[in-house]
Amino acid sequence: MADPKDTTQNVQEQYFRITDEVPEEIWYWAALASIVTSALLFVSNKRDWSIFVGQWPPTFLLFGVFHKVLRPHTH
């Protein structure tokens, strides 16, 4: 059976392998784009979709902050 510490380390390595390829600004632009998209959906009377998309910005921002905090030597 795999050691949970090894499994966690592998997941973290996979995460950083993917996110190291994403420029830091992309997370902020994705958050801004989802805010704009949510607003457009709201004025188009697609309220359920607006709420759904409106919950994305904190996730994008947290990805950016999480990566910056855990990998400060790469920035």
N, C-alpha and C. Protein backbone atom coordinates (compact mmCIF):
# COMPACT_ATOMS: atom_id res chain seq x y z
N MET A 1 0.84 -1.18 0.00
CA MET A 1 0.00 0.00 0.00
C MET A 1 0.89 1.25 0.00
N ALA A 2 0.50 2.24 -0.78
CA ALA A 2 1.30 3.45 -0.91
C ALA A 2 1.24 4.29 0.36
N ASP A 3 2.37 4.88 0.67
CA ASP A 3 2.48 5.76 1.82
C ASP A 3 1.73 7.06 1.52
N PRO A 4 0.83 7.51 2.41
CA PRO A 4 0.08 8.75 2.14
C PRO A 4 0.98 9.96 1.91
N LYS A 5 2.13 9.98 2.57
CA LYS A 5 3.07 11.10 2.38
C LYS A 5 3.61 11.10 0.95
N ASP A 6 3.93 9.90 0.42
CA ASP A 6 4.41 9.80 -0.96
C ASP A 6 3.32 10.21 -1.94
N THR A 7 2.09 9.80 -1.68
CA THR A 7 0.96 10.15 -2.54
C THR A 7 0.76 11.67 -2.56
N THR A 8 0.81 12.27 -1.39
CA THR A 8 0.66 13.72 -1.30
C THR A 8 1.78 14.43 -2.05
N GLN A 9 2.99 13.94 -1.91
CA GLN A 9 4.14 14.53 -2.61
C GLN A 9 3.97 14.42 -4.12
N ASN A 10 3.47 13.28 -4.60
CA ASN A 10 3.26 13.10 -6.04
C ASN A 10 2.19 14.05 -6.56
N VAL A 11 1.12 14.23 -5.81
CA VAL A 11 0.05 15.14 -6.22
C VAL A 11 0.59 16.57 -6.28
N GLN A 12 1.37 16.94 -5.28
CA GLN A 12 1.94 18.29 -5.25
C GLN A 12 2.90 18.49 -6.43
N GLU A 13 3.71 17.51 -6.73
CA GLU A 13 4.63 17.61 -7.87
C GLU A 13 3.86 17.74 -9.17
N GLN A 14 2.77 17.01 -9.34
CA GLN A 14 1.96 17.11 -10.55
C GLN A 14 1.32 18.49 -10.64
N TYR A 15 0.82 19.00 -9.53
CA TYR A 15 0.21 20.33 -9.52
C TYR A 15 1.22 21.37 -9.97
N PHE A 16 2.42 21.36 -9.39
CA PHE A 16 3.41 22.37 -9.74
C PHE A 16 3.96 22.17 -11.15
N ARG A 17 4.01 20.97 -11.62
CA ARG A 17 4.46 20.73 -12.99
C ARG A 17 3.50 21.40 -13.98
N ILE A 18 2.22 21.36 -13.68
CA ILE A 18 1.21 21.98 -14.54
C ILE A 18 1.20 23.49 -14.35
N THR A 19 1.13 23.95 -13.10
CA THR A 19 0.98 25.39 -12.85
C THR A 19 2.25 26.19 -13.09
N ASP A 20 3.41 25.56 -13.09
CA ASP A 20 4.63 26.29 -13.42
C ASP A 20 4.61 26.78 -14.87
N GLU A 21 3.82 26.12 -15.70
CA GLU A 21 3.71 26.50 -17.11
C GLU A 21 2.72 27.65 -17.32
N VAL A 22 1.91 27.95 -16.31
CA VAL A 22 0.89 29.00 -16.43
C VAL A 22 1.46 30.30 -15.88
N PRO A 23 1.54 31.34 -16.72
CA PRO A 23 2.02 32.63 -16.20
C PRO A 23 1.11 33.15 -15.09
N GLU A 24 1.70 33.82 -14.13
CA GLU A 24 0.96 34.31 -12.96
C GLU A 24 -0.22 35.20 -13.34
N GLU A 25 -0.06 36.01 -14.37
CA GLU A 25 -1.11 36.95 -14.77
C GLU A 25 -2.36 36.24 -15.28
N ILE A 26 -2.21 35.03 -15.77
CA ILE A 26 -3.36 34.29 -16.31
C ILE A 26 -4.43 34.09 -15.24
N TRP A 27 -4.01 33.81 -14.00
CA TRP A 27 -4.99 33.59 -12.93
C TRP A 27 -5.81 34.85 -12.69
N TYR A 28 -5.17 36.02 -12.74
CA TYR A 28 -5.88 37.27 -12.51
C TYR A 28 -6.78 37.63 -13.69
N TRP A 29 -6.30 37.39 -14.91
CA TRP A 29 -7.13 37.64 -16.09
C TRP A 29 -8.33 36.70 -16.13
N ALA A 30 -8.13 35.45 -15.71
CA ALA A 30 -9.24 34.50 -15.67
C ALA A 30 -10.29 34.95 -14.65
N ALA A 31 -9.85 35.45 -13.51
CA ALA A 31 -10.78 35.96 -12.51
C ALA A 31 -11.56 37.15 -13.06
N LEU A 32 -10.87 38.09 -13.70
CA LEU A 32 -11.53 39.26 -14.27
C LEU A 32 -12.51 38.85 -15.37
N ALA A 33 -12.10 37.93 -16.23
CA ALA A 33 -12.97 37.46 -17.31
C ALA A 33 -14.22 36.79 -16.76
N SER A 34 -14.09 36.04 -15.69
CA SER A 34 -15.26 35.37 -15.13
C SER A 34 -16.19 36.37 -14.46
N ILE A 35 -15.66 37.45 -13.90
CA ILE A 35 -16.51 38.50 -13.33
C ILE A 35 -17.32 39.17 -14.44
N VAL A 36 -16.65 39.51 -15.52
CA VAL A 36 -17.32 40.15 -16.66
C VAL A 36 -18.37 39.21 -17.25
N THR A 37 -17.99 37.95 -17.41
CA THR A 37 -18.93 36.96 -17.96
C THR A 37 -20.15 36.81 -17.06
N SER A 38 -19.92 36.78 -15.77
CA SER A 38 -21.02 36.67 -14.82
C SER A 38 -21.96 37.87 -14.93
N ALA A 39 -21.39 39.06 -15.05
CA ALA A 39 -22.21 40.27 -15.19
C ALA A 39 -23.03 40.23 -16.47
N LEU A 40 -22.41 39.79 -17.56
CA LEU A 40 -23.13 39.69 -18.83
C LEU A 40 -24.26 38.66 -18.75
N LEU A 41 -24.01 37.56 -18.11
CA LEU A 41 -25.05 36.56 -17.92
C LEU A 41 -26.19 37.11 -17.06
N PHE A 42 -25.84 37.90 -16.06
CA PHE A 42 -26.85 38.47 -15.17
C PHE A 42 -27.79 39.40 -15.94
N VAL A 43 -27.22 40.28 -16.77
CA VAL A 43 -28.07 41.21 -17.51
C VAL A 43 -28.81 40.51 -18.65
N SER A 44 -28.39 39.30 -19.00
CA SER A 44 -29.09 38.51 -20.02
C SER A 44 -30.17 37.62 -19.42
N ASN A 45 -30.47 37.85 -18.15
CA ASN A 45 -31.48 37.07 -17.41
C ASN A 45 -31.14 35.58 -17.31
N LYS A 46 -29.88 35.26 -17.30
CA LYS A 46 -29.44 33.88 -17.06
C LYS A 46 -28.84 33.85 -15.66
N ARG A 47 -29.71 34.06 -14.69
CA ARG A 47 -29.28 34.26 -13.31
C ARG A 47 -28.56 33.04 -12.72
N ASP A 48 -29.05 31.84 -13.01
CA ASP A 48 -28.39 30.65 -12.46
C ASP A 48 -26.97 30.51 -12.99
N TRP A 49 -26.79 30.73 -14.29
CA TRP A 49 -25.45 30.67 -14.87
C TRP A 49 -24.58 31.80 -14.34
N SER A 50 -25.18 32.95 -14.12
CA SER A 50 -24.45 34.09 -13.59
C SER A 50 -23.88 33.78 -12.21
N ILE A 51 -24.70 33.18 -11.37
CA ILE A 51 -24.24 32.81 -10.02
C ILE A 51 -23.15 31.75 -10.11
N PHE A 52 -23.34 30.78 -10.99
CA PHE A 52 -22.35 29.71 -11.15
C PHE A 52 -20.99 30.28 -11.58
N VAL A 53 -20.99 31.08 -12.62
CA VAL A 53 -19.74 31.66 -13.12
C VAL A 53 -19.18 32.68 -12.13
N GLY A 54 -20.06 33.37 -11.41
CA GLY A 54 -19.63 34.35 -10.43
C GLY A 54 -18.87 33.76 -9.25
N GLN A 55 -18.93 32.46 -9.09
CA GLN A 55 -18.19 31.81 -8.00
C GLN A 55 -16.78 31.42 -8.42
N TRP A 56 -16.42 31.60 -9.67
CA TRP A 56 -15.10 31.21 -10.15
C TRP A 56 -13.97 32.15 -9.76
N PRO A 57 -14.17 33.48 -9.71
CA PRO A 57 -13.02 34.37 -9.45
C PRO A 57 -12.23 34.04 -8.19
N PRO A 58 -12.86 33.75 -7.05
CA PRO A 58 -12.04 33.42 -5.88
C PRO A 58 -11.17 32.18 -6.11
N THR A 59 -11.68 31.24 -6.86
CA THR A 59 -10.90 30.02 -7.14
C THR A 59 -9.67 30.36 -7.97
N PHE A 60 -9.86 31.14 -9.03
CA PHE A 60 -8.72 31.53 -9.86
C PHE A 60 -7.70 32.33 -9.04
N LEU A 61 -8.17 33.26 -8.24
CA LEU A 61 -7.26 34.07 -7.43
C LEU A 61 -6.53 33.21 -6.40
N LEU A 62 -7.22 32.25 -5.82
CA LEU A 62 -6.57 31.37 -4.84
C LEU A 62 -5.51 30.49 -5.50
N PHE A 63 -5.77 30.04 -6.73
CA PHE A 63 -4.73 29.28 -7.45
C PHE A 63 -3.48 30.13 -7.61
N GLY A 64 -3.66 31.39 -8.00
CA GLY A 64 -2.51 32.28 -8.18
C GLY A 64 -1.78 32.54 -6.88
N VAL A 65 -2.52 32.83 -5.82
CA VAL A 65 -1.90 33.10 -4.52
C VAL A 65 -1.24 31.85 -3.97
N PHE A 66 -1.91 30.73 -4.06
CA PHE A 66 -1.38 29.46 -3.57
C PHE A 66 -0.04 29.15 -4.24
N HIS A 67 0.00 29.33 -5.55
CA HIS A 67 1.22 29.04 -6.28
C HIS A 67 2.33 30.02 -5.90
N LYS A 68 1.99 31.28 -5.74
CA LYS A 68 2.99 32.29 -5.40
C LYS A 68 3.55 32.07 -3.99
N VAL A 69 2.69 31.69 -3.06
CA VAL A 69 3.13 31.48 -1.68
C VAL A 69 4.01 30.24 -1.57
N LEU A 70 3.64 29.18 -2.27
CA LEU A 70 4.39 27.93 -2.14
C LEU A 70 5.63 27.87 -3.04
N ARG A 71 5.68 28.71 -4.07
CA ARG A 71 6.84 28.71 -4.97
C ARG A 71 7.42 30.11 -5.13
N PRO A 72 7.73 30.79 -4.02
CA PRO A 72 8.21 32.17 -4.13
C PRO A 72 9.53 32.30 -4.87
N HIS A 73 10.35 31.26 -4.87
CA HIS A 73 11.66 31.35 -5.52
C HIS A 73 11.57 31.37 -7.04
N THR A 74 10.40 31.03 -7.62
CA THR A 74 10.26 31.03 -9.06
C THR A 74 9.78 32.37 -9.59
N HIS A 75 9.47 33.34 -8.69
CA HIS A 75 8.94 34.64 -9.13
C HIS A 75 9.87 35.74 -8.75
